[in-house]
Amino acid sequence: MVATGPHGAAPAWAPPAAPRRPFQALLAAAALAALAVGVGAVRAHALGAPLWMDEGISIGIASHPLRAIPSLLRQDGSPPLYYLTLHAWTAVFGSTPTALHVLSLAFFALAVPAAVWAAWRPFGPAAGALAGALIALDPFTVYYANDARMYTLVLLLALLATGSFVRAFVLRRRAHVGVFAVLLAALLYTHNWALFFAAGSGVAYAGLLAFGRGLDRRGLLRDGALAFGGAALAFAPWLPTLAFQAAHTGAPWSSEPSQRALPRTLTHIWSGVLPETVILLVAGAGAIEILRRARRPQRRAVLAVLALGALTLVLGFTWSQVSSPAWAVRYLIIVAAPLAVVAGAGLARTGLLGVAALAVVVALSWRGHPSYAVLANKSNVAQIAGALAPSLPAGSLVVTTQPEQVPALRYYLGPRVRYVTPLGIVPDPQVMDWRDALTRLRAARFGTVMSPLLRRLRAGQRVLFVGPRFANAGSAWSRRIMADTRVWRRALRRRLRVVAASTPAEANSMSTVAGLLLAVRRRP
C-alpha cells in the first residue's frame, strides 16, 4: 500500500509525479547522440592520426591472447576491461589507428545519451538535454574521443553509474540497485580512479542513510549492502592483482600534484577559465535554487551527485599527496560525469538563461579545439619510423632511453628488430614492464647493458637510437630518462658512426622523440 498525506495527497517526500515521456527522452537522447557523432565527424580527419606511446601500450597489450591479458597487467598497473574490449574490437575491425580511435569515438557517442538519461530523472528533460550537450560539446571530452585509451569508456560507465545511483538510492527504484552494482564493478575493472568514485558514492549513500528524512532506512540499508556488496564481490577476483600492482607498479612517471592542481580541475574539465566561470555562476545559481525551492528528491539528488563528484576528486588528490602519485589531467574524466549531471540540472533550473550560458560556454571553449594539429601530433614516433626504418635491416638494435616508448616503436617497426632500454633487452616489446621500474632505471648503466651487445655486432650493422625530447621533465622518472638520454647518446656517437638523423622541430609533449641511425665502424 502506498502511503499518502492529508486528504489522500502524495506525501512531501514523494518524487514528483511527472508524466513519463519515453518517446521524448528517446528523441532527445538520439538527437544528442547524433550531435556527438557530428562533433566526432568534424574530427574524423584525425581518426587516422599516429599513435602516441600510451596508445602503443593499449594495442600492445590487446594484441596478446585474451586469456593472457589479465596476467600481463601485473606489469602494467591497469584493470583489464578496456584491453579485453579492445582485443575483441581489433579481432573484428583490425588494429589500424583509425580502427582503434573509432572504438573510443563510439564510447563517446554513447556517453551523450547516457548523460541525458542520468540527468533526466529527477531533474527533467531540459536537464538531460543540457547535460548531454555539455558532454558532446566539451573539448575536454571530445579530445579523448580520438585517443585509443580507456577514458571515454570511463566517462560512459561513470555517467551510467551516477544515473543508476540516483535512481536506486534517491528515487528508491529497486530495479536499479543491481544495475548500479554491475556498473560500479565494470568501472572498477576499467580504471583505478573508480576506487575513489566508489568511495565517493559510498559516502554519498551514507549521507542519505543518515540524513534522508522520510526514507525507509531499513530498505535503504539492505539495498546499499546489496549494491556495494555485489560490486565488491564482483571485483574481488582482481584484488590480488591490484595489491601486487599497488606494491610494484604505481605511476612512476607521475609527480605529486601541486596545491594549485585541485582548484584548476574545473578549468581543465570545462576547457578554460571563462567557460568555467560562466558554468559556475549560472549552473551554481540554478543548483542553489533547486536546494531552496525544489521538491525533496531533487534536493537530495543534487547533494548526492555533488558529493559523489567532489569526493572522487578530493580522494584522488589526497591519495596523490600522501601515497604514490596517481594524478593526471586525463583521469579527471571520471569527475566530469557527475559534474555534467549537476551542471545540466542547474542550467535547466535557470530556463533560457541556462541555454544561453551553454551557448556562451561553447563559444568560449570550442574555438576549433581540439585542433587537427593537436590530435595529429601527439607523437612523432610514426614519422621517425617512416624516415629511418627503410635503412634499418632486420635484426638491428632499436635503443630507447624511454622504456614506455617501446610498444609504440614495436607497432611501427614490427618484430623484425630487437629492442633495448636501460632496463635491458625487452623480452616482450608490446608490453611496458612497470614493476619497480624507477628503482631498476636508477640502477641501470650504459656499460652493463650496451657494451656486451655492441661487442657482438658486426661491422656495418645498424643501431637506431630513439631519445625523448621532453618539453617538461617534472617527475623523477622523466628526469632520470633525460639524464640517461644525454649519457647514452654521447656514448653511442663515440663508439658508432652516424648514418642519418631525424629531429623534431620542437619538444611539445612527453611523446616527442628524436631518432639517430648509427652503424658499427669497420674494425682495423
Protein backbone atom coordinates (compact mmCIF):
# COMPACT_ATOMS: atom_id res chain seq x y z
CA MET A 1 0.00 0.00 0.00
CA VAL A 2 1.33 3.46 -0.91
CA ALA A 3 1.39 5.94 1.96
CA THR A 4 -0.44 9.21 1.40
CA GLY A 5 -0.50 12.62 3.02
CA PRO A 6 -3.52 14.52 4.40
CA HIS A 7 -6.71 14.16 2.35
CA GLY A 8 -5.09 11.48 0.19
CA ALA A 9 -2.39 13.78 -1.23
CA ALA A 10 1.06 12.46 -2.02
CA PRO A 11 3.48 12.92 0.92
CA ALA A 12 6.11 15.67 0.78
CA TRP A 13 8.91 13.19 0.26
CA ALA A 14 7.37 11.54 -2.81
CA PRO A 15 9.06 12.06 -6.19
CA PRO A 16 7.28 14.50 -8.47
CA ALA A 17 4.53 12.73 -10.37
CA ALA A 18 5.71 13.97 -13.75
CA PRO A 19 4.20 12.11 -16.67
CA ARG A 20 6.51 9.66 -18.30
CA ARG A 21 7.60 10.70 -21.78
CA PRO A 22 9.75 7.81 -23.02
CA PHE A 23 9.41 8.88 -26.66
CA GLN A 24 10.62 12.41 -25.87
CA ALA A 25 13.51 11.02 -23.82
CA LEU A 26 14.48 8.72 -26.66
CA LEU A 27 14.21 11.53 -29.18
CA ALA A 28 16.38 13.88 -27.10
CA ALA A 29 18.98 11.16 -26.50
CA ALA A 30 19.07 10.27 -30.19
CA ALA A 31 19.41 13.92 -31.21
CA LEU A 32 22.31 14.48 -28.85
CA ALA A 33 23.97 11.22 -29.84
CA ALA A 34 23.76 12.45 -33.43
CA LEU A 35 25.33 15.70 -32.22
CA ALA A 36 28.18 13.74 -30.65
CA VAL A 37 28.73 11.77 -33.84
CA GLY A 38 28.66 15.06 -35.75
CA VAL A 39 31.28 16.51 -33.43
CA GLY A 40 33.31 13.35 -33.93
CA ALA A 41 32.88 13.66 -37.69
CA VAL A 42 34.37 17.14 -37.54
CA ARG A 43 37.42 15.42 -36.08
CA ALA A 44 37.15 12.42 -38.41
CA HIS A 45 40.10 13.60 -40.46
CA ALA A 46 42.23 12.97 -37.36
CA LEU A 47 40.92 9.45 -36.68
CA GLY A 48 43.92 8.05 -38.53
CA ALA A 49 46.37 10.16 -36.54
CA PRO A 50 49.56 8.34 -35.46
CA LEU A 51 49.54 6.62 -32.09
CA TRP A 52 51.31 8.11 -29.09
CA MET A 53 53.10 5.99 -26.52
CA ASP A 54 50.08 5.18 -24.28
CA GLU A 55 48.11 4.13 -27.35
CA GLY A 56 51.01 1.90 -28.31
CA ILE A 57 50.72 0.29 -24.88
CA SER A 58 46.96 -0.18 -25.43
CA ILE A 59 47.28 -2.05 -28.71
CA GLY A 60 50.36 -3.90 -27.49
CA ILE A 61 48.52 -5.42 -24.53
CA ALA A 62 45.33 -6.02 -26.52
CA SER A 63 47.32 -7.89 -29.20
CA HIS A 64 48.04 -10.74 -26.80
CA PRO A 65 45.75 -13.76 -26.41
CA LEU A 66 42.61 -12.96 -24.44
CA ARG A 67 43.44 -15.24 -21.52
CA ALA A 68 46.94 -13.77 -21.20
CA ILE A 69 45.82 -10.15 -20.80
CA PRO A 70 44.85 -10.17 -17.09
CA SER A 71 48.19 -11.66 -16.04
CA LEU A 72 50.11 -9.28 -18.31
CA LEU A 73 48.54 -6.36 -16.48
CA ARG A 74 50.55 -7.23 -13.38
CA GLN A 75 53.33 -5.45 -15.29
CA ASP A 76 51.19 -2.50 -16.40
CA GLY A 77 49.13 -1.40 -13.39
CA SER A 78 45.71 -1.09 -15.07
CA PRO A 79 42.47 -3.09 -14.77
CA PRO A 80 41.58 -5.37 -17.72
CA LEU A 81 38.14 -4.40 -19.10
CA TYR A 82 39.25 -1.88 -21.73
CA TYR A 83 42.06 -4.12 -23.01
CA LEU A 84 39.73 -7.12 -23.27
CA THR A 85 37.23 -4.97 -25.17
CA LEU A 86 39.96 -3.63 -27.45
CA HIS A 87 41.15 -7.18 -28.13
CA ALA A 88 37.66 -8.18 -29.29
CA TRP A 89 37.30 -4.97 -31.32
CA THR A 90 40.59 -5.41 -33.18
CA ALA A 91 39.79 -9.04 -33.91
CA VAL A 92 36.86 -7.75 -35.99
CA PHE A 93 37.97 -4.33 -37.24
CA GLY A 94 41.75 -4.56 -37.29
CA SER A 95 44.41 -2.58 -35.43
CA THR A 96 44.92 0.45 -37.66
CA PRO A 97 44.97 3.83 -35.86
CA THR A 98 41.56 4.62 -37.39
CA ALA A 99 40.03 1.38 -36.09
CA LEU A 100 41.46 1.99 -32.60
CA HIS A 101 40.18 5.58 -32.48
CA VAL A 102 36.70 4.65 -33.74
CA LEU A 103 36.19 2.49 -30.63
CA SER A 104 36.86 5.49 -28.38
CA LEU A 105 34.58 7.63 -30.57
CA ALA A 106 31.82 5.03 -30.19
CA PHE A 107 32.09 5.15 -26.39
CA PHE A 108 31.98 8.95 -26.57
CA ALA A 109 28.85 8.90 -28.74
CA LEU A 110 27.16 6.54 -26.26
CA ALA A 111 28.19 8.77 -23.36
CA VAL A 112 26.00 11.60 -24.66
CA PRO A 113 22.63 9.78 -24.38
CA ALA A 114 23.96 8.31 -21.11
CA ALA A 115 24.27 11.89 -19.80
CA VAL A 116 20.73 12.64 -20.98
CA TRP A 117 19.46 9.58 -19.14
CA ALA A 118 21.46 10.29 -15.98
CA ALA A 119 20.11 13.84 -15.55
CA TRP A 120 16.56 13.24 -16.86
CA ARG A 121 15.43 11.75 -13.57
CA PRO A 122 14.76 13.52 -11.30
CA PHE A 123 15.71 16.84 -12.91
CA GLY A 124 13.60 16.66 -16.08
CA PRO A 125 14.12 16.59 -19.85
CA ALA A 126 15.74 20.02 -20.09
CA ALA A 127 18.37 18.98 -17.56
CA GLY A 128 19.02 15.79 -19.53
CA ALA A 129 19.40 17.67 -22.80
CA LEU A 130 21.77 20.23 -21.31
CA ALA A 131 23.88 17.57 -19.57
CA GLY A 132 24.15 15.67 -22.85
CA ALA A 133 25.11 18.83 -24.71
CA LEU A 134 27.81 19.60 -22.12
CA ILE A 135 29.37 16.19 -22.75
CA ALA A 136 29.00 16.40 -26.54
CA LEU A 137 30.47 19.88 -26.93
CA ASP A 138 33.19 19.99 -24.28
CA PRO A 139 36.67 19.98 -25.91
CA PHE A 140 37.96 18.07 -22.87
CA THR A 141 35.71 15.06 -23.53
CA VAL A 142 35.96 15.40 -27.31
CA TYR A 143 39.76 15.11 -27.11
CA TYR A 144 39.57 11.61 -25.62
CA ALA A 145 37.15 10.51 -28.34
CA ASN A 146 40.26 10.45 -30.53
CA ASP A 147 42.51 8.61 -28.07
CA ALA A 148 42.93 4.83 -28.09
CA ARG A 149 42.72 4.62 -24.32
CA MET A 150 40.00 3.77 -21.82
CA TYR A 151 38.90 7.31 -20.98
CA THR A 152 35.67 7.56 -22.99
CA LEU A 153 34.66 4.13 -21.63
CA VAL A 154 35.29 5.52 -18.14
CA LEU A 155 33.10 8.53 -18.99
CA LEU A 156 30.28 6.32 -20.29
CA LEU A 157 30.31 4.00 -17.27
CA ALA A 158 30.59 6.88 -14.76
CA LEU A 159 27.56 8.63 -16.28
CA LEU A 160 25.51 5.45 -16.18
CA ALA A 161 26.65 4.68 -12.64
CA THR A 162 25.74 8.22 -11.50
CA GLY A 163 22.27 7.92 -13.00
CA SER A 164 21.65 4.50 -11.52
CA PHE A 165 22.90 5.68 -8.10
CA VAL A 166 20.29 8.47 -8.05
CA ARG A 167 17.54 6.11 -9.17
CA ALA A 168 18.47 3.38 -6.70
CA PHE A 169 19.13 5.42 -3.55
CA VAL A 170 17.41 8.78 -4.02
CA LEU A 171 14.33 7.88 -6.06
CA ARG A 172 14.31 4.39 -4.48
CA ARG A 173 13.75 2.39 -7.61
CA ARG A 174 14.95 -1.01 -6.52
CA ALA A 175 15.45 -2.31 -10.05
CA HIS A 176 18.47 -0.01 -10.26
CA VAL A 177 20.20 -1.46 -7.19
CA GLY A 178 21.58 -4.36 -9.20
CA VAL A 179 22.24 -2.09 -12.18
CA PHE A 180 24.39 0.19 -10.02
CA ALA A 181 26.31 -2.81 -8.65
CA VAL A 182 27.12 -4.05 -12.17
CA LEU A 183 28.10 -0.58 -13.44
CA LEU A 184 30.30 0.14 -10.42
CA ALA A 185 32.07 -3.21 -10.85
CA ALA A 186 32.58 -2.50 -14.57
CA LEU A 187 34.03 0.92 -13.72
CA LEU A 188 36.38 -0.66 -11.19
CA TYR A 189 37.56 -3.06 -13.89
CA THR A 190 38.23 -0.12 -16.24
CA HIS A 191 40.31 2.43 -14.31
CA ASN A 192 41.81 2.65 -10.83
CA TRP A 193 40.27 6.06 -10.14
CA ALA A 194 37.00 4.15 -9.93
CA LEU A 195 38.15 3.24 -6.41
CA PHE A 196 37.78 6.93 -5.49
CA PHE A 197 34.42 7.06 -7.33
CA ALA A 198 33.23 4.01 -5.35
CA ALA A 199 34.35 5.60 -2.07
CA GLY A 200 32.64 8.88 -3.00
CA SER A 201 29.40 7.11 -3.85
CA GLY A 202 29.66 5.19 -0.58
CA VAL A 203 29.93 8.43 1.41
CA ALA A 204 27.02 9.94 -0.55
CA TYR A 205 24.98 6.83 0.22
CA ALA A 206 25.92 7.08 3.91
CA GLY A 207 24.72 10.70 3.89
CA LEU A 208 21.35 9.60 2.52
CA LEU A 209 21.19 6.88 5.14
CA ALA A 210 22.00 9.30 7.97
CA PHE A 211 20.04 12.37 6.89
CA GLY A 212 17.41 11.11 4.46
CA ARG A 213 14.34 12.07 6.43
CA GLY A 214 11.30 10.11 5.32
CA LEU A 215 13.31 7.38 3.59
CA ASP A 216 12.90 3.75 4.55
CA ARG A 217 16.26 3.35 6.28
CA ARG A 218 15.93 -0.41 6.71
CA GLY A 219 15.25 -0.84 2.99
CA LEU A 220 17.99 1.64 2.12
CA LEU A 221 20.45 -0.24 4.32
CA ARG A 222 19.51 -3.52 2.67
CA ASP A 223 19.81 -2.11 -0.85
CA GLY A 224 23.13 -0.45 -0.08
CA ALA A 225 24.52 -3.75 1.21
CA LEU A 226 23.32 -5.49 -1.96
CA ALA A 227 24.69 -2.82 -4.33
CA PHE A 228 28.08 -2.14 -2.76
CA GLY A 229 28.48 -5.72 -1.59
CA GLY A 230 27.65 -7.02 -5.06
CA ALA A 231 30.18 -4.68 -6.69
CA ALA A 232 32.83 -5.66 -4.14
CA LEU A 233 32.13 -9.35 -4.69
CA ALA A 234 32.41 -8.95 -8.46
CA PHE A 235 35.69 -7.04 -8.10
CA ALA A 236 37.17 -9.41 -5.50
CA PRO A 237 38.94 -11.71 -8.02
CA TRP A 238 41.02 -8.72 -9.18
CA LEU A 239 42.11 -7.68 -5.68
CA PRO A 240 45.29 -9.84 -5.53
CA THR A 241 46.45 -8.33 -8.84
CA LEU A 242 45.53 -4.84 -7.62
CA ALA A 243 47.54 -5.37 -4.43
CA PHE A 244 50.56 -6.50 -6.47
CA GLN A 245 50.21 -3.52 -8.82
CA ALA A 246 49.96 -1.10 -5.90
CA ALA A 247 53.16 -2.52 -4.40
CA HIS A 248 55.22 -2.80 -7.59
CA THR A 249 53.91 -0.67 -10.48
CA GLY A 250 52.15 2.56 -9.47
CA ALA A 251 52.78 5.58 -11.71
CA PRO A 252 56.50 6.43 -11.51
CA TRP A 253 56.07 8.84 -14.42
CA SER A 254 53.66 10.96 -12.35
CA SER A 255 54.56 13.60 -9.79
CA GLU A 256 52.78 14.83 -6.70
CA PRO A 257 50.16 17.41 -7.74
CA SER A 258 50.72 20.94 -6.51
CA GLN A 259 48.20 22.75 -4.33
CA ARG A 260 47.04 24.61 -7.45
CA ALA A 261 46.01 21.36 -9.17
CA LEU A 262 42.77 20.98 -7.19
CA PRO A 263 41.26 24.43 -7.91
CA ARG A 264 42.27 24.10 -11.55
CA THR A 265 40.22 20.93 -12.01
CA LEU A 266 37.12 22.64 -13.37
CA THR A 267 39.27 24.80 -15.64
CA HIS A 268 40.57 21.60 -17.25
CA ILE A 269 37.18 19.91 -17.45
CA TRP A 270 35.39 22.93 -18.93
CA SER A 271 38.33 23.99 -21.09
CA GLY A 272 39.16 27.43 -19.79
CA VAL A 273 38.68 29.95 -17.01
CA LEU A 274 35.88 31.87 -18.77
CA PRO A 275 33.74 28.78 -19.55
CA GLU A 276 34.32 27.56 -16.00
CA THR A 277 33.19 30.93 -14.60
CA VAL A 278 30.03 31.01 -16.70
CA ILE A 279 29.01 27.48 -15.71
CA LEU A 280 29.78 28.03 -12.03
CA LEU A 281 27.75 31.25 -11.94
CA VAL A 282 24.69 30.11 -13.90
CA ALA A 283 24.58 26.41 -13.05
CA GLY A 284 25.59 27.21 -9.47
CA ALA A 285 22.68 29.66 -9.16
CA GLY A 286 20.35 27.02 -10.57
CA ALA A 287 21.63 24.37 -8.17
CA ILE A 288 21.10 26.73 -5.21
CA GLU A 289 17.57 27.36 -6.45
CA ILE A 290 16.98 23.60 -6.53
CA LEU A 291 18.21 23.31 -2.95
CA ARG A 292 15.96 26.18 -1.85
CA ARG A 293 12.72 25.51 -3.68
CA ALA A 294 12.64 22.13 -5.41
CA ARG A 295 10.99 19.02 -4.05
CA ARG A 296 12.96 16.84 -1.69
CA PRO A 297 14.10 14.14 -4.20
CA GLN A 298 15.67 16.79 -6.43
CA ARG A 299 17.40 18.43 -3.48
CA ARG A 300 18.76 15.10 -2.34
CA ALA A 301 19.88 14.21 -5.85
CA VAL A 302 21.83 17.47 -6.24
CA LEU A 303 23.59 16.97 -2.92
CA ALA A 304 24.30 13.30 -3.56
CA VAL A 305 25.75 13.81 -7.05
CA LEU A 306 27.77 16.83 -5.91
CA ALA A 307 29.17 14.80 -3.04
CA LEU A 308 29.99 11.90 -5.36
CA GLY A 309 31.91 14.09 -7.80
CA ALA A 310 33.64 16.24 -5.17
CA LEU A 311 34.73 13.27 -3.07
CA THR A 312 36.08 11.39 -6.11
CA LEU A 313 38.24 14.41 -6.89
CA VAL A 314 39.38 15.12 -3.33
CA LEU A 315 40.19 11.48 -2.62
CA GLY A 316 42.26 11.22 -5.83
CA PHE A 317 44.13 14.40 -4.94
CA THR A 318 44.68 13.36 -1.32
CA TRP A 319 45.93 9.90 -2.29
CA SER A 320 48.43 11.50 -4.67
CA GLN A 321 49.66 13.74 -1.83
CA VAL A 322 50.03 11.14 0.93
CA SER A 323 50.79 7.98 -1.05
CA SER A 324 52.12 7.24 -4.53
CA PRO A 325 51.18 9.92 -7.10
CA ALA A 326 48.18 8.91 -9.24
CA TRP A 327 47.35 12.27 -10.78
CA ALA A 328 46.92 13.16 -14.45
CA VAL A 329 44.53 15.59 -16.13
CA ARG A 330 43.06 12.77 -18.24
CA TYR A 331 41.98 10.94 -15.07
CA LEU A 332 39.59 13.82 -14.34
CA ILE A 333 37.21 12.48 -16.96
CA ILE A 334 35.60 10.32 -14.26
CA VAL A 335 34.81 13.53 -12.33
CA ALA A 336 33.34 15.14 -15.46
CA ALA A 337 30.44 12.65 -15.38
CA PRO A 338 28.71 13.69 -12.11
CA LEU A 339 29.64 17.32 -12.78
CA ALA A 340 27.80 17.24 -16.11
CA VAL A 341 24.68 15.88 -14.38
CA VAL A 342 24.70 18.59 -11.70
CA ALA A 343 25.58 21.34 -14.20
CA GLY A 344 22.78 20.19 -16.51
CA ALA A 345 20.30 20.31 -13.63
CA GLY A 346 21.48 23.77 -12.56
CA LEU A 347 21.42 25.20 -16.07
CA ALA A 348 17.94 23.80 -16.70
CA ARG A 349 16.65 25.39 -13.49
CA THR A 350 17.54 28.86 -14.84
CA GLY A 351 15.49 28.35 -18.01
CA LEU A 352 16.55 30.25 -21.12
CA LEU A 353 19.48 31.73 -19.22
CA GLY A 354 20.90 28.23 -18.90
CA VAL A 355 20.60 27.60 -22.63
CA ALA A 356 22.25 30.96 -23.34
CA ALA A 357 25.01 30.13 -20.85
CA LEU A 358 25.68 26.84 -22.64
CA ALA A 359 25.93 28.69 -25.97
CA VAL A 360 28.39 31.16 -24.43
CA VAL A 361 30.45 28.32 -22.93
CA VAL A 362 30.67 26.56 -26.29
CA ALA A 363 31.66 29.81 -28.00
CA LEU A 364 34.35 30.45 -25.39
CA SER A 365 35.79 26.94 -25.17
CA TRP A 366 35.39 25.49 -28.62
CA ARG A 367 37.36 27.79 -30.96
CA GLY A 368 38.23 24.78 -33.10
CA HIS A 369 39.72 22.82 -30.21
CA PRO A 370 40.98 20.21 -30.09
CA SER A 371 42.51 21.12 -33.42
CA TYR A 372 43.68 18.69 -36.06
CA ALA A 373 47.28 19.68 -35.30
CA VAL A 374 46.86 18.75 -31.63
CA LEU A 375 45.22 15.41 -32.42
CA ALA A 376 47.64 14.50 -35.22
CA ASN A 377 50.84 15.41 -33.37
CA LYS A 378 50.53 13.68 -30.03
CA SER A 379 53.62 11.70 -31.05
CA ASN A 380 56.17 11.69 -33.85
CA VAL A 381 57.22 8.06 -33.44
CA ALA A 382 55.46 7.19 -36.71
CA GLN A 383 57.42 9.91 -38.53
CA ILE A 384 60.73 8.75 -37.07
CA ALA A 385 59.94 5.18 -38.08
CA GLY A 386 58.92 6.25 -41.57
CA ALA A 387 62.09 8.25 -42.08
CA LEU A 388 64.63 5.78 -40.70
CA ALA A 389 63.06 2.29 -40.90
CA PRO A 390 63.93 1.78 -44.61
CA SER A 391 67.60 1.97 -43.62
CA LEU A 392 67.17 -0.40 -40.69
CA PRO A 393 67.80 -4.06 -41.68
CA ALA A 394 66.15 -6.95 -39.88
CA GLY A 395 67.93 -7.89 -36.68
CA SER A 396 69.11 -4.34 -35.95
CA LEU A 397 69.05 -2.92 -32.46
CA VAL A 398 66.49 -0.25 -31.55
CA VAL A 399 67.61 1.52 -28.40
CA THR A 400 65.49 3.97 -26.45
CA THR A 401 66.12 5.54 -23.07
CA GLN A 402 62.34 5.95 -22.57
CA PRO A 403 61.14 2.39 -21.90
CA GLU A 404 57.43 3.18 -22.27
CA GLN A 405 58.02 4.16 -25.92
CA VAL A 406 58.86 0.59 -26.88
CA PRO A 407 55.27 -0.61 -27.59
CA ALA A 408 54.70 2.34 -29.95
CA LEU A 409 58.06 1.67 -31.65
CA ARG A 410 57.10 -2.01 -31.93
CA TYR A 411 53.78 -1.00 -33.52
CA TYR A 412 55.53 0.93 -36.29
CA LEU A 413 58.79 -1.02 -36.69
CA GLY A 414 57.39 -4.51 -36.11
CA PRO A 415 59.03 -7.63 -34.69
CA ARG A 416 61.96 -7.75 -37.14
CA VAL A 417 64.27 -5.75 -34.85
CA ARG A 418 65.45 -6.13 -31.26
CA TYR A 419 64.50 -3.57 -28.62
CA VAL A 420 66.76 -2.39 -25.80
CA THR A 421 66.23 0.13 -22.98
CA PRO A 422 68.30 0.96 -19.89
CA LEU A 423 66.29 -1.84 -18.24
CA GLY A 424 67.90 -4.31 -20.67
CA ILE A 425 66.77 -6.30 -23.72
CA VAL A 426 62.96 -6.13 -23.88
CA PRO A 427 61.53 -9.67 -23.85
CA ASP A 428 58.05 -8.57 -24.91
CA PRO A 429 58.18 -5.21 -26.72
CA GLN A 430 54.37 -4.96 -26.80
CA VAL A 431 54.21 -4.53 -23.01
CA MET A 432 55.79 -1.92 -20.77
CA ASP A 433 57.01 -3.58 -17.58
CA TRP A 434 56.41 -1.02 -14.83
CA ARG A 435 57.33 -3.37 -11.97
CA ASP A 436 59.72 -1.45 -9.70
CA ALA A 437 60.66 0.45 -12.85
CA LEU A 438 62.10 3.58 -11.24
CA THR A 439 64.36 1.55 -8.95
CA ARG A 440 65.59 -0.53 -11.90
CA LEU A 441 66.09 2.56 -14.05
CA ARG A 442 68.21 4.26 -11.40
CA ALA A 443 70.40 1.15 -11.17
CA ALA A 444 70.90 0.89 -14.94
CA ARG A 445 74.28 1.64 -16.54
CA PHE A 446 75.23 2.00 -20.20
CA GLY A 447 78.27 -0.23 -19.87
CA THR A 448 76.34 -3.05 -18.25
CA VAL A 449 73.50 -3.05 -20.80
CA MET A 450 75.01 -1.89 -24.09
CA SER A 451 78.69 -2.85 -24.08
CA PRO A 452 78.08 -6.63 -24.40
CA LEU A 453 75.55 -6.02 -27.18
CA LEU A 454 77.83 -3.68 -29.14
CA ARG A 455 80.75 -6.13 -28.95
CA ARG A 456 78.62 -8.78 -30.68
CA LEU A 457 77.69 -6.53 -33.61
CA ARG A 458 79.48 -6.94 -36.95
CA ALA A 459 80.89 -4.06 -38.98
CA GLY A 460 78.13 -2.20 -40.80
CA GLN A 461 75.28 -3.40 -38.57
CA ARG A 462 72.78 -0.70 -37.64
CA VAL A 463 71.58 0.73 -34.33
CA LEU A 464 68.61 3.11 -34.11
CA PHE A 465 68.76 5.32 -31.04
CA VAL A 466 65.45 6.98 -30.07
CA GLY A 467 65.71 9.65 -27.39
CA PRO A 468 62.86 11.72 -25.93
CA ARG A 469 62.64 15.49 -26.23
CA PHE A 470 60.54 16.40 -23.21
CA ALA A 471 59.00 19.84 -23.06
CA ASN A 472 58.92 19.48 -19.27
CA ALA A 473 60.72 16.83 -17.20
CA GLY A 474 58.80 17.26 -13.98
CA SER A 475 58.93 13.82 -12.36
CA ALA A 476 61.80 11.72 -11.01
CA TRP A 477 61.13 9.25 -13.83
CA SER A 478 61.42 11.80 -16.64
CA ARG A 479 64.47 13.50 -15.06
CA ARG A 480 66.27 10.17 -14.91
CA ILE A 481 65.33 9.42 -18.51
CA MET A 482 66.71 12.76 -19.70
CA ALA A 483 69.96 12.19 -17.79
CA ASP A 484 70.29 8.72 -19.35
CA THR A 485 69.49 10.13 -22.79
CA ARG A 486 72.44 12.53 -22.66
CA VAL A 487 74.83 9.82 -21.47
CA TRP A 488 73.66 7.13 -23.89
CA ARG A 489 73.59 9.44 -26.93
CA ARG A 490 77.18 10.58 -26.30
CA ALA A 491 78.39 7.03 -25.72
CA LEU A 492 76.77 5.68 -28.88
CA ARG A 493 78.05 8.54 -31.04
CA ARG A 494 81.55 7.95 -29.68
CA ARG A 495 81.52 4.23 -30.46
CA LEU A 496 79.46 4.15 -33.68
CA ARG A 497 79.23 6.06 -36.95
CA VAL A 498 76.22 8.36 -37.54
CA VAL A 499 74.33 7.42 -40.71
CA ALA A 500 71.19 9.58 -40.51
CA ALA A 501 69.13 11.59 -38.07
CA SER A 502 65.51 12.68 -37.69
CA THR A 503 64.91 15.54 -35.26
CA PRO A 504 61.57 17.13 -34.32
CA ALA A 505 61.08 20.85 -34.76
CA GLU A 506 60.14 21.26 -31.11
CA ALA A 507 59.61 19.30 -27.91
CA ASN A 508 55.87 19.56 -27.42
CA SER A 509 54.91 16.53 -25.34
CA MET A 510 56.13 13.51 -23.39
CA SER A 511 55.91 11.61 -26.69
CA THR A 512 58.23 13.75 -28.81
CA VAL A 513 61.36 11.83 -29.80
CA ALA A 514 64.45 12.25 -31.96
CA GLY A 515 65.97 9.41 -33.97
CA LEU A 516 69.65 8.77 -34.62
CA LEU A 517 70.65 5.98 -37.00
CA LEU A 518 74.15 4.63 -36.40
CA ALA A 519 76.34 1.90 -37.85
CA VAL A 520 79.20 -0.16 -36.45
CA ARG A 521 82.55 1.09 -37.77
CA ARG A 522 84.78 -1.19 -39.74
CA ARG A 523 87.38 -2.59 -37.41
CA PRO A 524 91.07 -2.18 -38.42
